PDB file of N, CA and C in Angstrom:
ATOM      1  N   MET A   1     100.104  86.870 107.747  1.00  0.00           N
ATOM      2  CA  MET A   1     100.505  87.835 108.857  1.00  0.00           C
ATOM      3  C   MET A   1     101.628  88.304 108.709  1.00  0.00           C
ATOM      4  N   GLU A   2     101.930  89.707 108.969  1.00  0.00           N
ATOM      5  CA  GLU A   2     103.049  90.391 108.665  1.00  0.00           C
ATOM      6  C   GLU A   2     103.582  90.995 110.134  1.00  0.00           C
ATOM      7  N   TRP A   3     104.733  90.994 110.232  1.00  0.00           N
ATOM      8  CA  TRP A   3     105.525  91.798 111.316  1.00  0.00           C
ATOM      9  C   TRP A   3     106.466  92.737 110.644  1.00  0.00           C
ATOM     10  N   GLN A   4     106.480  94.057 111.245  1.00  0.00           N
ATOM     11  CA  GLN A   4     107.080  95.156 110.674  1.00  0.00           C
ATOM     12  C   GLN A   4     107.861  95.742 111.822  1.00  0.00           C
ATOM     13  N   HIS A   5     109.191  96.163 111.532  1.00  0.00           N
ATOM     14  CA  HIS A   5     109.902  96.984 112.523  1.00  0.00           C
ATOM     15  C   HIS A   5     110.948  97.692 111.863  1.00  0.00           C
ATOM     16  N   ASN A   6     110.555  99.030 111.888  1.00  0.00           N
ATOM     17  CA  ASN A   6     111.509 100.155 111.065  1.00  0.00           C
ATOM     18  C   ASN A   6     111.478  99.687 109.619  1.00  0.00           C
ATOM     19  N   ASN A   7     112.499  99.372 108.982  1.00  0.00           N
ATOM     20  CA  ASN A   7     112.724  98.968 107.582  1.00  0.00           C
ATOM     21  C   ASN A   7     112.711  97.717 107.266  1.00  0.00           C
ATOM     22  N   PHE A   8     112.426  96.779 108.312  1.00  0.00           N
ATOM     23  CA  PHE A   8     112.325  95.313 108.082  1.00  0.00           C
ATOM     24  C   PHE A   8     110.982  94.765 108.206  1.00  0.00           C
ATOM     25  N   SER A   9     110.548  93.916 107.216  1.00  0.00           N
ATOM     26  CA  SER A   9     109.423  93.236 107.491  1.00  0.00           C
ATOM     27  C   SER A   9     109.544  91.752 107.294  1.00  0.00           C
ATOM     28  N   LEU A  10     108.642  91.006 107.879  1.00  0.00           N
ATOM     29  CA  LEU A  10     108.661  89.476 107.697  1.00  0.00           C
ATOM     30  C   LEU A  10     107.075  89.214 107.534  1.00  0.00           C
ATOM     31  N   THR A  11     106.992  88.542 106.469  1.00  0.00           N
ATOM     32  CA  THR A  11     105.357  88.113 106.167  1.00  0.00           C
ATOM     33  C   THR A  11     105.345  86.606 106.085  1.00  0.00           C
ATOM     34  N   GLY A  12     104.419  85.943 106.715  1.00  0.00           N
ATOM     35  CA  GLY A  12     104.102  84.589 106.470  1.00  0.00           C
ATOM     36  C   GLY A  12     102.771  84.293 106.036  1.00  0.00           C
ATOM     37  N   VAL A  13     102.536  83.396 105.008  1.00  0.00           N
ATOM     38  CA  VAL A  13     101.358  83.167 104.515  1.00  0.00           C
ATOM     39  C   VAL A  13     101.042  81.685 104.515  1.00  0.00           C
ATOM     40  N   PHE A  14      99.893  81.202 105.023  1.00  0.00           N
ATOM     41  CA  PHE A  14      99.434  79.855 105.014  1.00  0.00           C
ATOM     42  C   PHE A  14      98.373  79.611 103.979  1.00  0.00           C
ATOM     43  N   SER A  15      98.597  78.781 103.016  1.00  0.00           N
ATOM     44  CA  SER A  15      97.653  78.467 101.986  1.00  0.00           C
ATOM     45  C   SER A  15      96.819  77.263 102.142  1.00  0.00           C
ATOM     46  N   TYR A  16      95.610  77.047 101.849  1.00  0.00           N
ATOM     47  CA  TYR A  16      94.958  75.708 102.004  1.00  0.00           C
ATOM     48  C   TYR A  16      94.185  75.641 100.793  1.00  0.00           C
ATOM     49  N   ILE A  17      94.131  74.557 100.062  1.00  0.00           N
ATOM     50  CA  ILE A  17      93.141  74.261  98.758  1.00  0.00           C
ATOM     51  C   ILE A  17      92.473  72.857  99.512  1.00  0.00           C
ATOM     52  N   GLY A  18      91.299  73.048  99.616  1.00  0.00           N
ATOM     53  CA  GLY A  18      90.448  71.847 100.136  1.00  0.00           C
ATOM     54  C   GLY A  18      90.290  70.680  98.972  1.00  0.00           C
ATOM     55  N   GLY A  19      90.139  69.472  99.559  1.00  0.00           N
ATOM     56  CA  GLY A  19      89.999  68.284  98.734  1.00  0.00           C
ATOM     57  C   GLY A  19      88.773  68.277  97.858  1.00  0.00           C
ATOM     58  N   SER A  20      88.637  67.410  96.972  1.00  0.00           N
ATOM     59  CA  SER A  20      87.609  67.228  96.160  1.00  0.00           C
ATOM     60  C   SER A  20      87.297  65.686  95.878  1.00  0.00           C
ATOM     61  N   LEU A  21      86.441  65.660  94.929  1.00  0.00           N
ATOM     62  CA  LEU A  21      86.014  64.082  94.381  1.00  0.00           C
ATOM     63  C   LEU A  21      86.525  64.028  93.077  1.00  0.00           C
ATOM     64  N   ASP A  22      87.075  63.040  92.659  1.00  0.00           N
ATOM     65  CA  ASP A  22      87.551  62.686  91.361  1.00  0.00           C
ATOM     66  C   ASP A  22      86.628  61.677  90.771  1.00  0.00           C
ATOM     67  N   ASP A  23      85.817  62.115  89.807  1.00  0.00           N
ATOM     68  CA  ASP A  23      84.862  61.442  89.231  1.00  0.00           C
ATOM     69  C   ASP A  23      84.975  61.017  87.727  1.00  0.00           C
ATOM     70  N   ARG A  24      86.254  61.247  87.422  1.00  0.00           N
ATOM     71  CA  ARG A  24      86.671  60.936  85.911  1.00  0.00           C
ATOM     72  C   ARG A  24      86.741  59.669  85.506  1.00  0.00           C
ATOM     73  N   ILE A  25      87.122  58.712  86.661  1.00  0.00           N
ATOM     74  CA  ILE A  25      87.161  57.379  86.496  1.00  0.00           C
ATOM     75  C   ILE A  25      86.448  56.637  87.542  1.00  0.00           C
ATOM     76  N   GLN A  26      85.641  55.640  87.268  1.00  0.00           N
ATOM     77  CA  GLN A  26      84.974  54.894  88.318  1.00  0.00           C
ATOM     78  C   GLN A  26      85.873  53.950  89.120  1.00  0.00           C
ATOM     79  N   PRO A  27      85.842  53.717  90.250  1.00  0.00           N
ATOM     80  CA  PRO A  27      84.916  54.350  91.170  1.00  0.00           C
ATOM     81  C   PRO A  27      85.313  55.818  91.508  1.00  0.00           C
ATOM     82  N   VAL A  28      84.487  56.463  92.101  1.00  0.00           N
ATOM     83  CA  VAL A  28      84.724  58.037  92.479  1.00  0.00           C
ATOM     84  C   VAL A  28      85.689  57.836  93.666  1.00  0.00           C
ATOM     85  N   THR A  29      86.733  58.645  93.693  1.00  0.00           N
ATOM     86  CA  THR A  29      87.636  58.466  94.832  1.00  0.00           C
ATOM     87  C   THR A  29      87.811  60.202  95.372  1.00  0.00           C
ATOM     88  N   GLU A  30      88.168  60.246  96.513  1.00  0.00           N
ATOM     89  CA  GLU A  30      88.467  61.448  97.328  1.00  0.00           C
ATOM     90  C   GLU A  30      89.998  61.923  96.952  1.00  0.00           C
ATOM     91  N   VAL A  31      90.131  63.125  96.474  1.00  0.00           N
ATOM     92  CA  VAL A  31      91.325  63.769  96.428  1.00  0.00           C
ATOM     93  C   VAL A  31      91.676  64.546  97.560  1.00  0.00           C
ATOM     94  N   GLY A  32      93.004  64.412  98.200  1.00  0.00           N
ATOM     95  CA  GLY A  32      93.181  65.046  99.167  1.00  0.00           C
ATOM     96  C   GLY A  32      93.306  66.557  99.193  1.00  0.00           C
ATOM     97  N   SER A  33      93.587  67.306 100.407  1.00  0.00           N
ATOM     98  CA  SER A  33      93.846  68.708 100.421  1.00  0.00           C
ATOM     99  C   SER A  33      95.064  69.009 100.231  1.00  0.00           C
ATOM    100  N   TYR A  34      95.556  70.334 100.144  1.00  0.00           N
ATOM    101  CA  TYR A  34      96.997  70.801  99.977  1.00  0.00           C
ATOM    102  C   TYR A  34      97.072  71.940 100.884  1.00  0.00           C
ATOM    103  N   ARG A  35      98.322  71.952 101.557  1.00  0.00           N
ATOM    104  CA  ARG A  35      98.655  73.101 102.437  1.00  0.00           C
ATOM    105  C   ARG A  35      99.931  73.535 102.071  1.00  0.00           C
ATOM    106  N   SER A  36     100.247  74.900 102.145  1.00  0.00           N
ATOM    107  CA  SER A  36     101.770  75.285 102.134  1.00  0.00           C
ATOM    108  C   SER A  36     101.974  76.497 102.952  1.00  0.00           C
ATOM    109  N   VAL A  37     103.214  76.658 103.275  1.00  0.00           N
ATOM    110  CA  VAL A  37     103.547  77.984 104.162  1.00  0.00           C
ATOM    111  C   VAL A  37     104.671  78.599 103.317  1.00  0.00           C
ATOM    112  N   ASP A  38     104.375  79.896 103.281  1.00  0.00           N
ATOM    113  CA  ASP A  38     105.423  80.813 102.649  1.00  0.00           C
ATOM    114  C   ASP A  38     105.961  81.818 103.543  1.00  0.00           C
ATOM    115  N   LEU A  39     107.239  82.194 103.479  1.00  0.00           N
ATOM    116  CA  LEU A  39     107.765  83.245 104.170  1.00  0.00           C
ATOM    117  C   LEU A  39     108.474  84.305 103.261  1.00  0.00           C
ATOM    118  N   VAL A  40     108.434  85.484 103.628  1.00  0.00           N
ATOM    119  CA  VAL A  40     109.027  86.524 102.820  1.00  0.00           C
ATOM    120  C   VAL A  40     109.542  87.573 103.754  1.00  0.00           C
ATOM    121  N   ALA A  41     110.942  87.883 103.724  1.00  0.00           N
ATOM    122  CA  ALA A  41     111.747  88.824 104.536  1.00  0.00           C
ATOM    123  C   ALA A  41     111.988  89.978 103.519  1.00  0.00           C
ATOM    124  N   ARG A  42     111.826  91.231 104.033  1.00  0.00           N
ATOM    125  CA  ARG A  42     112.245  92.348 103.089  1.00  0.00           C
ATOM    126  C   ARG A  42     112.777  93.472 104.050  1.00  0.00           C
ATOM    127  N   TYR A  43     113.890  94.037 103.488  1.00  0.00           N
ATOM    128  CA  TYR A  43     114.648  95.089 104.164  1.00  0.00           C
ATOM    129  C   TYR A  43     114.652  96.367 103.198  1.00  0.00           C
ATOM    130  N   GLU A  44     114.301  97.416 103.560  1.00  0.00           N
ATOM    131  CA  GLU A  44     114.330  98.579 102.643  1.00  0.00           C
ATOM    132  C   GLU A  44     115.390  99.596 103.332  1.00  0.00           C
ATOM    133  N   THR A  45     116.226 100.120 102.493  1.00  0.00           N
ATOM    134  CA  THR A  45     117.252 101.103 103.055  1.00  0.00           C
ATOM    135  C   THR A  45     116.416 102.513 102.929  1.00  0.00           C
ATOM    136  N   GLY A  46     116.930 103.450 103.622  1.00  0.00           N
ATOM    137  CA  GLY A  46     116.355 104.802 103.647  1.00  0.00           C
ATOM    138  C   GLY A  46     116.743 105.575 102.321  1.00  0.00           C
ATOM    139  N   ALA A  47     116.211 106.720 102.275  1.00  0.00           N
ATOM    140  CA  ALA A  47     116.605 107.793 101.316  1.00  0.00           C
ATOM    141  C   ALA A  47     118.064 108.302 101.456  1.00  0.00           C
ATOM    142  N   ASP A  48     118.567 108.293 102.694  1.00  0.00           N
ATOM    143  CA  ASP A  48     119.820 108.990 103.231  1.00  0.00           C
ATOM    144  C   ASP A  48     120.830 108.033 103.334  1.00  0.00           C
ATOM    145  N   THR A  49     120.996 106.869 102.642  1.00  0.00           N
ATOM    146  CA  THR A  49     122.094 105.898 103.136  1.00  0.00           C
ATOM    147  C   THR A  49     123.063 105.835 101.852  1.00  0.00           C
ATOM    148  N   GLY A  50     123.380 107.069 101.153  1.00  0.00           N
ATOM    149  CA  GLY A  50     124.486 107.125 100.124  1.00  0.00           C
ATOM    150  C   GLY A  50     124.222 106.136  98.956  1.00  0.00           C
ATOM    151  N   PRO A  51     125.150 105.488  98.480  1.00  0.00           N
ATOM    152  CA  PRO A  51     124.872 104.765  97.159  1.00  0.00           C
ATOM    153  C   PRO A  51     123.769 103.619  97.348  1.00  0.00           C
ATOM    154  N   LEU A  52     123.485 103.126  98.643  1.00  0.00           N
ATOM    155  CA  LEU A  52     122.635 102.228  98.925  1.00  0.00           C
ATOM    156  C   LEU A  52     121.140 102.916  99.117  1.00  0.00           C
ATOM    157  N   SER A  53     121.104 103.941  98.877  1.00  0.00           N
ATOM    158  CA  SER A  53     119.718 104.572  99.194  1.00  0.00           C
ATOM    159  C   SER A  53     118.538 104.152  98.421  1.00  0.00           C
ATOM    160  N   ASP A  54     117.359 104.072  98.984  1.00  0.00           N
ATOM    161  CA  ASP A  54     116.237 103.509  98.305  1.00  0.00           C
ATOM    162  C   ASP A  54     116.375 102.139  97.496  1.00  0.00           C
ATOM    163  N   MET A  55     117.062 101.180  98.348  1.00  0.00           N
ATOM    164  CA  MET A  55     117.215  99.932  97.948  1.00  0.00           C
ATOM    165  C   MET A  55     116.283  99.027  98.765  1.00  0.00           C
ATOM    166  N   SER A  56     115.909  97.958  98.089  1.00  0.00           N
ATOM    167  CA  SER A  56     114.997  96.812  98.704  1.00  0.00           C
ATOM    168  C   SER A  56     115.654  95.537  98.460  1.00  0.00           C
ATOM    169  N   PHE A  57     115.915  94.787  99.643  1.00  0.00           N
ATOM    170  CA  PHE A  57     116.385  93.311  99.617  1.00  0.00           C
ATOM    171  C   PHE A  57     115.257  92.440 100.102  1.00  0.00           C
ATOM    172  N   THR A  58     115.009  91.475  99.302  1.00  0.00           N
ATOM    173  CA  THR A  58     113.878  90.462  99.507  1.00  0.00           C
ATOM    174  C   THR A  58     114.516  89.101  99.343  1.00  0.00           C
ATOM    175  N   ILE A  59     114.161  88.263 100.363  1.00  0.00           N
ATOM    176  CA  ILE A  59     114.379  86.847 100.250  1.00  0.00           C
ATOM    177  C   ILE A  59     112.884  86.154 100.473  1.00  0.00           C
ATOM    178  N   SER A  60     112.591  85.195  99.582  1.00  0.00           N
ATOM    179  CA  SER A  60     111.354  84.528  99.712  1.00  0.00           C
ATOM    180  C   SER A  60     111.702  83.108  99.821  1.00  0.00           C
ATOM    181  N   ALA A  61     110.917  82.374 100.704  1.00  0.00           N
ATOM    182  CA  ALA A  61     110.985  80.994 100.745  1.00  0.00           C
ATOM    183  C   ALA A  61     109.543  80.361 100.442  1.00  0.00           C
ATOM    184  N   LEU A  62     109.099  79.937  99.274  1.00  0.00           N
ATOM    185  CA  LEU A  62     107.812  79.407  99.095  1.00  0.00           C
ATOM    186  C   LEU A  62     107.720  77.889  99.251  1.00  0.00           C
ATOM    187  N   ASN A  63     106.514  77.491  99.835  1.00  0.00           N
ATOM    188  CA  ASN A  63     106.303  76.219 100.162  1.00  0.00           C
ATOM    189  C   ASN A  63     107.467  75.456 100.913  1.00  0.00           C
ATOM    190  N   ILE A  64     107.800  76.078 101.907  1.00  0.00           N
ATOM    191  CA  ILE A  64     108.952  75.866 102.705  1.00  0.00           C
ATOM    192  C   ILE A  64     109.056  74.360 103.204  1.00  0.00           C
ATOM    193  N   PHE A  65     107.902  73.814 103.539  1.00  0.00           N
ATOM    194  CA  PHE A  65     107.968  72.255 103.915  1.00  0.00           C
ATOM    195  C   PHE A  65     107.876  71.466 102.729  1.00  0.00           C
ATOM    196  N   ASN A  66     107.947  71.932 101.330  1.00  0.00           N
ATOM    197  CA  ASN A  66     108.057  71.144 100.131  1.00  0.00           C
ATOM    198  C   ASN A  66     106.808  70.200 100.093  1.00  0.00           C
ATOM    199  N   ASN A  67     105.691  70.629 100.351  1.00  0.00           N
ATOM    200  CA  ASN A  67     104.561  69.722 100.288  1.00  0.00           C
ATOM    201  C   ASN A  67     104.128  69.437  98.806  1.00  0.00           C
ATOM    202  N   LYS A  68     103.800  68.346  98.511  1.00  0.00           N
ATOM    203  CA  LYS A  68     103.418  67.658  97.165  1.00  0.00           C
ATOM    204  C   LYS A  68     101.950  67.987  96.936  1.00  0.00           C
ATOM    205  N   PRO A  69     101.439  68.021  95.704  1.00  0.00           N
ATOM    206  CA  PRO A  69     100.119  68.080  95.423  1.00  0.00           C
ATOM    207  C   PRO A  69      99.391  66.729  95.700  1.00  0.00           C
ATOM    208  N   PRO A  70      98.161  66.581  96.005  1.00  0.00           N
ATOM    209  CA  PRO A  70      97.688  65.239  96.364  1.00  0.00           C
ATOM    210  C   PRO A  70      97.655  64.378  94.990  1.00  0.00           C
ATOM    211  N   TYR A  71      97.797  63.102  95.290  1.00  0.00           N
ATOM    212  CA  TYR A  71      97.902  62.070  94.066  1.00  0.00           C
ATOM    213  C   TYR A  71      96.399  62.091  93.505  1.00  0.00           C
ATOM    214  N   ILE A  72      96.253  61.893  92.167  1.00  0.00           N
ATOM    215  CA  ILE A  72      95.112  61.529  91.456  1.00  0.00           C
ATOM    216  C   ILE A  72      95.435  60.490  90.399  1.00  0.00           C
ATOM    217  N   ARG A  73      94.474  59.662  90.129  1.00  0.00           N
ATOM    218  CA  ARG A  73      94.606  58.563  88.980  1.00  0.00           C
ATOM    219  C   ARG A  73      94.521  59.251  87.707  1.00  0.00           C
ATOM    220  N   THR A  74      95.268  58.463  86.906  1.00  0.00           N
ATOM    221  CA  THR A  74      95.302  58.859  85.397  1.00  0.00           C
ATOM    222  C   THR A  74      95.188  57.611  84.522  1.00  0.00           C
ATOM    223  N   THR A  75      94.737  57.659  83.368  1.00  0.00           N
ATOM    224  CA  THR A  75      94.647  56.512  82.457  1.00  0.00           C
ATOM    225  C   THR A  75      95.884  56.619  81.583  1.00  0.00           C
ATOM    226  N   SER A  76      96.532  57.648  81.396  1.00  0.00           N
ATOM    227  CA  SER A  76      97.797  57.865  80.495  1.00  0.00           C
ATOM    228  C   SER A  76      99.166  57.385  81.262  1.00  0.00           C
ATOM    229  N   SER A  77      99.807  56.586  80.696  1.00  0.00           N
ATOM    230  CA  SER A  77     101.125  56.160  81.172  1.00  0.00           C
ATOM    231  C   SER A  77     102.154  57.325  81.389  1.00  0.00           C
ATOM    232  N   LEU A  78     101.892  58.443  80.577  1.00  0.00           N
ATOM    233  CA  LEU A  78     102.728  59.644  80.487  1.00  0.00           C
ATOM    234  C   LEU A  78     102.250  60.657  81.374  1.00  0.00           C
ATOM    235  N   GLY A  79     100.983  60.617  81.899  1.00  0.00           N
ATOM    236  CA  GLY A  79     100.331  61.821  82.625  1.00  0.00           C
ATOM    237  C   GLY A  79     100.828  61.824  83.968  1.00  0.00           C
ATOM    238  N   TYR A  80     100.700  63.022  84.463  1.00  0.00           N
ATOM    239  CA  TYR A  80     101.121  63.364  85.788  1.00  0.00           C
ATOM    240  C   TYR A  80     100.140  63.017  86.699  1.00  0.00           C
ATOM    241  N   HIS A  81     100.457  62.637  87.910  1.00  0.00           N
ATOM    242  CA  HIS A  81      99.509  62.168  88.992  1.00  0.00           C
ATOM    243  C   HIS A  81      99.011  63.176  90.010  1.00  0.00           C
ATOM    244  N   TYR A  82      98.909  64.475  89.422  1.00  0.00           N
ATOM    245  CA  TYR A  82      98.215  65.621  90.102  1.00  0.00           C
ATOM    246  C   TYR A  82      97.513  66.483  89.304  1.00  0.00           C
ATOM    247  N   ASP A  83      96.650  67.181  90.019  1.00  0.00           N
ATOM    248  CA  ASP A  83      95.780  68.149  89.272  1.00  0.00           C
ATOM    249  C   ASP A  83      96.537  69.564  89.058  1.00  0.00           C
ATOM    250  N   SER A  84      96.998  69.604  87.898  1.00  0.00           N
ATOM    251  CA  SER A  84      97.824  70.893  87.467  1.00  0.00           C
ATOM    252  C   SER A  84      96.954  72.095  87.390  1.00  0.00           C
ATOM    253  N   ASN A  85      95.500  71.754  87.232  1.00  0.00           N
ATOM    254  CA  ASN A  85      94.678  73.115  87.156  1.00  0.00           C
ATOM    255  C   ASN A  85      94.423  73.647  88.471  1.00  0.00           C
ATOM    256  N   ASN A  86      94.292  72.828  89.478  1.00  0.00           N
ATOM    257  CA  ASN A  86      93.931  73.420  90.866  1.00  0.00           C
ATOM    258  C   ASN A  86      94.958  73.182  91.916  1.00  0.00           C
ATOM    259  N   PHE A  87      96.105  72.600  91.740  1.00  0.00           N
ATOM    260  CA  PHE A  87      97.139  72.520  92.671  1.00  0.00           C
ATOM    261  C   PHE A  87      98.463  72.881  92.120  1.00  0.00           C
ATOM    262  N   PRO A  88      99.355  73.652  92.885  1.00  0.00           N
ATOM    263  CA  PRO A  88     100.622  74.073  92.440  1.00  0.00           C
ATOM    264  C   PRO A  88     101.613  72.907  92.172  1.00  0.00           C
ATOM    265  N   SER A  89     102.307  72.885  91.158  1.00  0.00           N
ATOM    266  CA  SER A  89     103.390  71.692  90.983  1.00  0.00           C
ATOM    267  C   SER A  89     104.731  72.085  91.284  1.00  0.00           C
ATOM    268  N   VAL A  90     104.946  73.247  91.671  1.00  0.00           N
ATOM    269  CA  VAL A  90     106.409  73.680  92.138  1.00  0.00           C
ATOM    270  C   VAL A  90     106.605  73.273  93.660  1.00  0.00           C
ATOM    271  N   GLY A  91     107.708  72.539  93.994  1.00  0.00           N
ATOM    272  CA  GLY A  91     107.922  72.433  95.281  1.00  0.00           C
ATOM    273  C   GLY A  91     108.723  73.639  96.008  1.00  0.00           C
ATOM    274  N   ARG A  92     109.568  73.388  97.012  1.00  0.00           N
ATOM    275  CA  ARG A  92     110.109  74.547  97.750  1.00  0.00           C
ATOM    276  C   ARG A  92     110.774  75.390  96.591  1.00  0.00           C
ATOM    277  N   PHE A  93     110.613  76.800  96.819  1.00  0.00           N
ATOM    278  CA  PHE A  93     111.365  77.696  95.965  1.00  0.00           C
ATOM    279  C   PHE A  93     111.717  78.872  96.616  1.00  0.00           C
ATOM    280  N   ILE A  94     113.055  79.170  96.676  1.00  0.00           N
ATOM    281  CA  ILE A  94     113.721  80.154  97.304  1.00  0.00           C
ATOM    282  C   ILE A  94     114.275  81.087  96.374  1.00  0.00           C
ATOM    283  N   SER A  95     114.015  82.483  96.544  1.00  0.00           N
ATOM    284  CA  SER A  95     114.489  83.444  95.638  1.00  0.00           C
ATOM    285  C   SER A  95     114.876  84.655  96.538  1.00  0.00           C
ATOM    286  N   LEU A  96     115.893  85.456  95.829  1.00  0.00           N
ATOM    287  CA  LEU A  96     116.461  86.714  96.516  1.00  0.00           C
ATOM    288  C   LEU A  96     116.400  87.705  95.376  1.00  0.00           C
ATOM    289  N   SER A  97     115.843  88.844  95.751  1.00  0.00           N
ATOM    290  CA  SER A  97     115.754  89.913  94.957  1.00  0.00           C
ATOM    291  C   SER A  97     116.388  91.258  95.488  1.00  0.00           C
ATOM    292  N   ILE A  98     116.955  91.958  94.644  1.00  0.00           N
ATOM    293  CA  ILE A  98     117.531  93.342  95.107  1.00  0.00           C
ATOM    294  C   ILE A  98     117.100  94.233  94.014  1.00  0.00           C
ATOM    295  N   SER A  99     116.511  95.325  94.470  1.00  0.00           N
ATOM    296  CA  SER A  99     115.881  96.377  93.516  1.00  0.00           C
ATOM    297  C   SER A  99     116.230  97.836  94.246  1.00  0.00           C
ATOM    298  N   LYS A 100     116.389  98.723  93.221  1.00  0.00           N
ATOM    299  CA  LYS A 100     116.676 100.161  93.600  1.00  0.00           C
ATOM    300  C   LYS A 100     115.758 101.199  92.818  1.00  0.00           C
ATOM    301  N   SER A 101     115.338 102.104  93.590  1.00  0.00           N
ATOM    302  CA  SER A 101     114.511 103.127  93.102  1.00  0.00           C
ATOM    303  C   SER A 101     115.319 104.409  92.647  1.00  0.00           C
ATOM    304  N   PHE A 102     114.986 104.910  91.587  1.00  0.00           N
ATOM    305  CA  PHE A 102     115.706 106.198  91.115  1.00  0.00           C
ATOM    306  C   PHE A 102     114.704 107.296  91.056  1.00  0.00           C
TER     307      PHE A 102
END
């Protein structure tokens, strides 16, 4: 969902990855689902604002509730207890970006 007013925009994204069955080790177990919410705010200056003309300022907050991927079983003592192929492993992530067009 995106809201925009003049040079400012705010975008929210809800992501959902459904659960699955883990049949690698018996007995078969259910792996939970994963949800995350991302927010991105962006402001763009106009072409007539002097040295700050044609600039873009963006702040992003990904996985704002710091949800963890669902737990899975592993036979390795060094293994991770999440499915890194199907679920993101990065927790909350905040970034700031400034760019200028020439």
